[in-house]
C-alpha cells in the first residue's frame, strides 16, 4: 500500500497512523496538524518534531500532541491495516503518562 516508502518496512506514514488510531476524523486533518508542527516523536530516546505527514511511525515510537484541549501521549503498539472501529483503533496504541 502507499504508507510505506521503498525502503520502509514495518513503518507507516504519521498522518495515516493518526487517522487509523482515530485521533483525527480525516487524513487531511491529521496531515494539517502535522504540518503545523504539533506532533512530537520520541524514538530511541531522541525527540523531534514530526515535520511532514509522510514521516514514518514505527512500533515502539512515543507520540505526544495536544488535541481537544488535552495533552495526549501514546506509544505505538501496532500499525494497523485499515481504519477500523474504535475498539480496533485502541489496539494500535497504549497511553503513556504525559506528566
Protein backbone atom coordinates (compact mmCIF):
# COMPACT_ATOMS: atom_id res chain seq x y z
CA UNK A 1 0.00 0.00 0.00
CA UNK A 2 1.05 3.67 -0.11
CA UNK A 3 2.00 4.11 3.56
CA UNK A 4 5.42 2.51 3.18
CA UNK A 5 8.23 4.06 1.21
CA UNK A 6 10.57 1.95 -0.94
CA UNK A 7 12.88 1.05 1.96
CA UNK A 8 10.41 1.30 4.81
CA UNK A 9 9.13 -2.00 6.11
CA UNK A 10 7.44 -2.02 9.47
CA UNK A 11 6.59 1.68 9.23
CA UNK A 12 3.52 3.76 8.44
CA UNK A 13 3.03 7.39 7.44
CA UNK A 14 2.36 9.53 10.52
CA UNK A 15 -0.86 11.02 9.11
CA UNK A 16 -2.24 7.59 8.20
CA UNK A 17 -1.41 6.17 11.62
CA UNK A 18 -3.07 9.08 13.48
CA UNK A 19 -6.16 8.65 11.27
CA UNK A 20 -6.26 4.85 11.73
CA UNK A 21 -5.92 5.27 15.50
CA UNK A 22 -8.92 7.62 15.32
CA UNK A 23 -7.29 10.71 16.75
CA UNK A 24 -8.49 12.61 13.66
CA UNK A 25 -11.64 12.25 11.59
CA UNK A 26 -9.82 12.58 8.25
CA UNK A 27 -6.29 12.09 6.94
CA UNK A 28 -6.37 15.70 5.75
CA UNK A 29 -6.91 16.95 9.30
CA UNK A 30 -4.10 14.72 10.57
CA UNK A 31 -1.76 15.96 7.82
CA UNK A 32 -2.60 19.61 8.55
CA UNK A 33 -1.98 19.04 12.28
CA UNK A 34 1.45 17.56 11.49
CA UNK A 35 2.30 20.34 9.00
CA UNK A 36 1.69 22.85 11.80
CA UNK A 37 4.44 21.12 13.82
CA UNK A 38 2.13 20.00 16.61
CA UNK A 39 3.33 16.39 16.96
CA UNK A 40 6.50 15.30 18.80
CA UNK A 41 8.07 11.91 18.19
CA UNK A 42 10.46 10.09 20.51
CA UNK A 43 12.37 7.13 19.09
CA UNK A 44 15.38 5.57 20.82
CA UNK A 45 15.44 8.43 23.36
CA UNK A 46 15.75 11.02 20.58
CA UNK A 47 12.93 13.57 20.47
CA UNK A 48 11.98 15.54 17.37
CA UNK A 49 9.00 17.20 15.76
CA UNK A 50 7.22 15.32 13.01
CA UNK A 51 7.72 17.83 10.21
CA UNK A 52 5.93 16.06 7.34
CA UNK A 53 2.84 13.84 7.18
CA UNK A 54 4.88 11.22 5.28
CA UNK A 55 7.40 10.74 8.12
CA UNK A 56 7.40 7.10 9.22
CA UNK A 57 6.00 5.97 12.54
CA UNK A 58 7.24 2.64 13.87
CA UNK A 59 6.14 0.29 16.62
CA UNK A 60 7.63 1.49 19.91
CA UNK A 61 7.61 5.20 18.99
CA UNK A 62 6.19 7.67 21.50
CA UNK A 63 3.97 10.42 20.07
CA UNK A 64 2.97 13.48 22.07
CA UNK A 65 0.44 16.05 20.87
CA UNK A 66 -2.36 18.25 22.18
CA UNK A 67 -5.81 17.68 20.76
CA UNK A 68 -9.20 18.70 22.08
CA UNK A 69 -7.65 20.75 24.88
CA UNK A 70 -5.73 17.83 26.37
CA UNK A 71 -2.20 16.53 26.07
CA UNK A 72 -2.04 13.07 24.52
CA UNK A 73 1.00 10.81 24.90
CA UNK A 74 0.77 7.41 23.23
CA UNK A 75 3.16 4.59 22.42
CA UNK A 76 2.64 2.98 19.02
CA UNK A 77 1.87 -0.72 19.58
CA UNK A 78 0.75 -1.66 16.04
CA UNK A 79 0.49 -0.01 12.62
CA UNK A 80 -2.89 -1.38 11.56
CA UNK A 81 -4.13 -2.34 8.13
CA UNK A 82 -7.22 -0.13 7.98
CA UNK A 83 -9.29 2.44 9.84
CA UNK A 84 -11.49 0.12 11.80
CA UNK A 85 -13.98 0.55 14.62
CA UNK A 86 -12.89 2.36 17.81
CA UNK A 87 -12.18 -0.89 19.66
CA UNK A 88 -9.77 -1.93 16.91
CA UNK A 89 -8.17 1.52 16.84
CA UNK A 90 -7.42 1.34 20.58
CA UNK A 91 -5.26 -1.74 19.97
CA UNK A 92 -2.85 0.38 17.89
CA UNK A 93 -1.54 2.32 20.90
CA UNK A 94 -1.14 2.40 24.64
CA UNK A 95 -1.41 5.55 26.65
CA UNK A 96 1.64 6.95 28.38
CA UNK A 97 1.83 9.38 31.24
CA UNK A 98 2.46 12.87 29.87
CA UNK A 99 3.27 14.35 33.25
